[in-house]
Protein backbone atom coordinates (compact mmCIF):
# COMPACT_ATOMS: atom_id res chain seq x y z
CA UNK A 1 116.48 108.94 114.53
CA UNK A 2 115.68 109.27 110.82
CA UNK A 3 112.50 111.13 109.90
CA UNK A 4 110.65 109.58 106.94
CA UNK A 5 107.83 111.33 105.09
CA UNK A 6 105.64 108.73 103.39
CA UNK A 7 103.62 110.28 100.56
CA UNK A 8 100.59 108.20 99.59
CA UNK A 9 100.53 106.50 102.98
CA UNK A 10 96.90 105.36 102.64
CA UNK A 11 97.33 103.74 99.21
CA UNK A 12 97.91 100.06 98.55
CA UNK A 13 101.71 100.11 98.64
CA UNK A 14 101.79 103.04 101.06
CA UNK A 15 99.76 101.01 103.55
CA UNK A 16 102.19 98.10 103.31
CA UNK A 17 105.15 100.41 103.84
CA UNK A 18 103.48 102.18 106.75
CA UNK A 19 102.71 98.85 108.42
CA UNK A 20 106.31 97.72 107.95
CA UNK A 21 107.92 100.88 109.35
CA UNK A 22 105.44 102.35 111.84
CA UNK A 23 106.86 100.56 114.89
CA UNK A 24 110.53 100.67 113.90
CA UNK A 25 112.40 102.66 116.59
CA UNK A 26 114.95 103.85 114.02
CA UNK A 27 112.36 105.99 112.24
CA UNK A 28 110.03 108.85 113.01
CA UNK A 29 107.24 108.48 110.46
CA UNK A 30 105.24 111.30 108.86
CA UNK A 31 102.18 110.11 106.92
CA UNK A 32 100.89 112.23 104.05
CA UNK A 33 97.77 111.90 101.93
CA UNK A 34 95.77 114.09 99.58
CA UNK A 35 92.02 114.28 99.90
CA UNK A 36 89.61 113.53 102.71
CA UNK A 37 89.19 109.85 101.81
CA UNK A 38 92.92 109.16 102.19
CA UNK A 39 93.15 111.14 105.39
CA UNK A 40 90.18 109.23 106.80
CA UNK A 41 91.81 105.88 105.94
CA UNK A 42 94.93 106.92 107.81
CA UNK A 43 92.99 107.88 110.92
CA UNK A 44 91.01 104.63 110.78
CA UNK A 45 94.35 102.79 111.09
CA UNK A 46 95.39 104.94 114.04
CA UNK A 47 97.85 107.08 112.06
CA UNK A 48 97.79 110.84 112.42
CA UNK A 49 98.34 112.61 109.09
CA UNK A 50 101.22 115.08 108.89
CA UNK A 51 101.10 118.41 107.10
CA UNK A 52 103.09 119.14 103.96
CA UNK A 53 104.88 121.93 105.83
CA UNK A 54 105.97 119.55 108.58
CA UNK A 55 107.24 117.03 106.04
CA UNK A 56 109.21 119.63 104.08
CA UNK A 57 110.77 120.96 107.27
CA UNK A 58 111.67 117.70 109.00
CA UNK A 59 112.01 114.85 106.50
CA UNK A 60 115.40 113.22 106.08
CA UNK A 61 113.82 110.74 103.66
CA UNK A 62 110.79 111.15 101.37
CA UNK A 63 109.14 107.99 100.01
CA UNK A 64 106.93 108.56 96.96
CA UNK A 65 104.38 105.73 97.27
CA UNK A 66 102.17 107.19 94.59
CA UNK A 67 101.04 106.08 91.10
CA UNK A 68 103.48 106.56 88.22
CA UNK A 69 101.11 108.94 86.42
CA UNK A 70 101.17 111.30 89.43
CA UNK A 71 104.91 111.21 90.12
CA UNK A 72 105.78 114.15 87.84
CA UNK A 73 103.21 116.56 89.26
CA UNK A 74 103.69 115.58 92.90
CA UNK A 75 107.50 115.48 92.67
CA UNK A 76 107.47 118.90 91.02
CA UNK A 77 105.62 120.23 94.08
CA UNK A 78 107.46 118.27 96.76
CA UNK A 79 111.10 117.96 95.72
CA UNK A 80 111.96 121.68 95.43
CA UNK A 81 110.66 122.25 98.97
CA UNK A 82 112.65 119.46 100.65
CA UNK A 83 115.58 120.38 102.82
CA UNK A 84 119.07 119.93 101.40
CA UNK A 85 120.44 116.40 101.74
CA UNK A 86 117.05 114.67 101.69
CA UNK A 87 116.95 111.15 100.24
CA UNK A 88 113.99 110.67 97.86
CA UNK A 89 112.92 107.04 97.38
CA UNK A 90 110.91 106.01 94.31
CA UNK A 91 109.27 102.59 94.06
CA UNK A 92 109.40 102.10 90.29
CA UNK A 93 111.97 102.99 87.61
CA UNK A 94 109.46 104.48 85.13
CA UNK A 95 109.40 108.07 86.37
CA UNK A 96 113.14 108.29 87.20
CA UNK A 97 114.18 106.73 83.89
CA UNK A 98 111.66 108.82 81.99
CA UNK A 99 113.05 112.10 83.31
CA UNK A 100 109.99 112.92 85.42
CA UNK A 101 111.92 113.91 88.57
CA UNK A 102 112.99 117.52 89.17
CA UNK A 103 116.68 118.31 88.83
CA UNK A 104 118.25 119.21 92.14
CA UNK A 105 121.90 118.53 92.90
CA UNK A 106 121.72 118.73 96.70
CA UNK A 107 119.36 115.77 97.25
CA UNK A 108 119.66 112.04 96.52
CA UNK A 109 117.42 109.82 94.40
CA UNK A 110 117.13 106.11 95.23
CA UNK A 111 114.91 103.65 93.35
CA UNK A 112 113.71 100.26 94.64
CA UNK A 113 111.34 97.67 93.25
CA UNK A 114 110.35 94.30 94.74
CA UNK A 115 110.85 91.08 92.77
CA UNK A 116 108.01 89.37 94.70
CA UNK A 117 108.34 85.87 96.21
CA UNK A 118 110.02 83.52 93.71
CA UNK A 119 108.30 80.50 92.18
CA UNK A 120 111.15 78.28 93.35
CA UNK A 121 111.60 78.77 97.09
CA UNK A 122 112.21 77.01 100.39
CA UNK A 123 109.01 78.29 102.05
CA UNK A 124 107.32 75.63 104.21
CA UNK A 125 104.70 77.71 106.03
CA UNK A 126 101.39 77.39 104.12
CA UNK A 127 100.59 81.08 104.49
CA UNK A 128 104.01 82.09 103.18
CA UNK A 129 103.71 79.66 100.27
CA UNK A 130 100.49 81.39 99.21
CA UNK A 131 101.94 84.89 99.64
CA UNK A 132 102.21 86.31 96.12
CA UNK A 133 103.26 89.85 97.06
CA UNK A 134 105.81 89.45 99.86
CA UNK A 135 105.62 90.36 103.52
CA UNK A 136 105.25 86.83 104.81
CA UNK A 137 107.25 85.03 102.13
CA UNK A 138 110.86 85.99 101.46
CA UNK A 139 111.59 87.97 98.31
CA UNK A 140 114.39 89.71 96.45
CA UNK A 141 114.49 93.42 95.67
CA UNK A 142 116.39 95.49 93.11
CA UNK A 143 117.90 98.84 94.10
CA UNK A 144 119.47 101.72 92.18
CA UNK A 145 121.12 104.99 93.17
CA UNK A 146 120.16 107.53 90.55
CA UNK A 147 122.07 110.33 92.23
CA UNK A 148 123.77 110.73 95.58
CA UNK A 149 126.54 109.23 97.68
CA UNK A 150 127.32 105.69 98.74
CA UNK A 151 126.05 106.64 102.18
CA UNK A 152 122.74 107.56 100.54
CA UNK A 153 122.68 104.18 98.83
CA UNK A 154 123.30 102.33 102.08
CA UNK A 155 120.50 104.25 103.80
CA UNK A 156 118.12 103.62 100.91
CA UNK A 157 118.89 99.91 100.81
CA UNK A 158 118.47 99.59 104.58
CA UNK A 159 115.04 101.25 104.47
CA UNK A 160 114.04 99.24 101.39
CA UNK A 161 114.95 95.95 103.08
CA UNK A 162 112.66 96.84 105.97
CA UNK A 163 109.85 98.02 103.67
CA UNK A 164 109.77 94.75 101.75
CA UNK A 165 110.98 92.33 104.45
CA UNK A 166 111.74 89.48 104.68
CA UNK A 167 114.48 89.83 102.05
CA UNK A 168 116.62 87.19 100.35
CA UNK A 169 118.89 89.50 98.31
CA UNK A 170 119.03 93.23 97.65
CA UNK A 171 120.44 93.39 94.13
CA UNK A 172 122.14 96.61 93.02
CA UNK A 173 121.53 97.71 89.43
CA UNK A 174 121.37 100.97 87.51
CA UNK A 175 118.11 102.81 86.85
CA UNK A 176 118.49 101.93 83.17
CA UNK A 177 118.88 98.24 84.01
CA UNK A 178 115.84 98.40 86.29
CA UNK A 179 113.80 99.80 83.40
CA UNK A 180 114.90 96.80 81.31
CA UNK A 181 113.68 94.53 84.11
CA UNK A 182 110.38 96.44 84.26
CA UNK A 183 108.61 97.18 82.03
CA UNK A 184 110.59 95.48 79.23
CA UNK A 185 111.28 92.05 80.74
CA UNK A 186 108.66 91.56 83.46
CA UNK A 187 105.68 93.20 81.73
CA UNK A 188 106.24 93.58 78.00
CA UNK A 189 107.58 90.02 77.61
CA UNK A 190 106.85 87.82 80.62
CA UNK A 191 103.43 89.17 81.59
CA UNK A 192 102.32 89.17 77.96
CA UNK A 193 103.35 85.52 77.63
CA UNK A 194 101.48 84.68 80.83
CA UNK A 195 98.35 86.46 79.57
CA UNK A 196 98.59 84.31 76.43
CA UNK A 197 98.92 81.22 78.65
CA UNK A 198 95.75 82.18 80.53
CA UNK A 199 93.95 82.73 77.23
CA UNK A 200 95.21 79.36 75.96
CA UNK A 201 93.78 77.66 79.06
CA UNK A 202 90.46 79.40 78.40
CA UNK A 203 90.54 78.11 74.81
CA UNK A 204 91.25 74.56 75.99
CA UNK A 205 88.26 74.84 78.33
CA UNK A 206 86.12 76.19 75.50
CA UNK A 207 87.00 73.07 73.54
CA UNK A 208 85.84 70.83 76.35
CA UNK A 209 88.73 70.32 78.76
CA UNK A 210 87.57 70.74 82.40
CA UNK A 211 88.93 74.00 83.80
CA UNK A 212 90.56 72.43 86.87
CA UNK A 213 92.24 69.80 84.68
CA UNK A 214 93.62 72.41 82.29
CA UNK A 215 95.02 74.52 85.13
CA UNK A 216 96.54 71.55 86.98
CA UNK A 217 98.13 70.28 83.79
CA UNK A 218 99.60 73.65 82.83
CA UNK A 219 100.79 74.67 86.30
CA UNK A 220 102.58 71.35 86.75
CA UNK A 221 104.25 71.54 83.38
CA UNK A 222 105.25 75.15 84.02
CA UNK A 223 107.12 74.06 87.14
CA UNK A 224 108.94 71.30 85.28
CA UNK A 225 109.79 73.69 82.45
CA UNK A 226 111.19 76.25 84.89
CA UNK A 227 113.28 73.54 86.51
CA UNK A 228 114.73 72.50 83.15
CA UNK A 229 115.15 75.89 81.47
CA UNK A 230 116.75 77.62 84.45
CA UNK A 231 118.93 74.78 85.65
CA UNK A 232 117.15 73.84 88.88
CA UNK A 233 117.00 70.19 87.82
CA UNK A 234 119.39 68.05 85.78
CA UNK A 235 117.15 67.34 82.82
CA UNK A 236 116.61 68.34 79.21
CA UNK A 237 113.61 69.15 77.09
CA UNK A 238 112.55 66.15 75.04
CA UNK A 239 113.21 66.15 71.30
CA UNK A 240 109.48 66.37 70.68
CA UNK A 241 109.14 69.36 73.01
CA UNK A 242 112.03 71.18 71.35
CA UNK A 243 110.48 70.61 67.92
CA UNK A 244 107.11 71.87 69.18
CA UNK A 245 108.74 75.06 70.49
CA UNK A 246 110.61 75.64 67.24
CA UNK A 247 107.40 75.29 65.24
CA UNK A 248 105.30 77.40 67.61
CA UNK A 249 107.72 80.32 67.88
CA UNK A 250 107.36 80.94 64.15
CA UNK A 251 103.60 81.36 64.41
CA UNK A 252 103.25 82.94 67.88
CA UNK A 253 106.16 85.39 68.00
CA UNK A 254 107.44 87.99 65.57
CA UNK A 255 111.03 87.24 64.42
CA UNK A 256 112.22 90.61 65.75
CA UNK A 257 110.43 90.44 69.13
CA UNK A 258 113.63 91.19 71.06
CA UNK A 259 113.47 94.76 69.78
CA UNK A 260 111.38 95.51 72.90
CA UNK A 261 114.72 95.68 74.77
CA UNK A 262 116.16 98.40 72.53
CA UNK A 263 116.66 101.63 74.54
CA UNK A 264 114.20 103.70 72.50
CA UNK A 265 111.49 101.07 72.89
CA UNK A 266 112.11 100.79 76.64
CA UNK A 267 111.82 104.58 76.92
CA UNK A 268 108.63 104.53 74.87
CA UNK A 269 107.10 102.00 77.29
CA UNK A 270 108.28 104.06 80.27
CA UNK A 271 106.70 107.22 78.86
CA UNK A 272 103.47 105.32 78.22
CA UNK A 273 103.39 104.28 81.88
CA UNK A 274 104.05 107.74 83.29
CA UNK A 275 101.57 109.35 80.90
CA UNK A 276 98.90 106.62 81.27
CA UNK A 277 98.58 105.84 77.58
CA UNK A 278 99.21 103.00 75.15
CA UNK A 279 102.77 102.82 73.88
CA UNK A 280 103.11 103.94 70.26
CA UNK A 281 104.03 101.21 67.84
């Protein structure tokens, strides 16, 4: 049986992981929290908190389900005390890519991040179709082995698939590639564009369009656009739509916007996340 120490077990993601693994016979779970509030939340859910000493002594796997800004300080305290051969699982590439994890050659580092349920899916259950985080709806995950053996990777992927089940695909990438996916692609570009979309809907409403009409119109067109742009349907953008995009890109986007994917800019965004600050321009 594999012993897993879950740090941050009473937090948002820690709670989801605890619920996913607590009854799995393959694992002996140790739940760790800092502060009386977190400890109380664990006990309210029927989970007995473990001590740091117990975790350091027994854990085969340590999952760091803690905020990015706390990874460096907590990892600096936890990682040196882990027994040799421990697999440390991080849930975001920011701290690993940003060099926030202690150097130690005799342990393994594995990174996983959920993709969340895709827009285009085969879900038919109404509850699964309205699941935006995963857990009821199927989702993909991305996994990276920062350091360790292939056996470590297989263990990490197996645990990750159970943490974020049900899973469609577990994609293997490098830590550097995962940092391109997030923050560069998913947050810096895609989320920013979606925030602009939400602001555009608000502006349409301000100019008199009923809010429900604006949302219905945009959400429907977004689905069609995804179908066309990503090859889910055999169709093309109309000539008028292509001309509108060409005109709009000149006024909405900077010509050099793809520089956000340059390694130094990705690292700058990663450092901003781990240090809880705005990225320098």
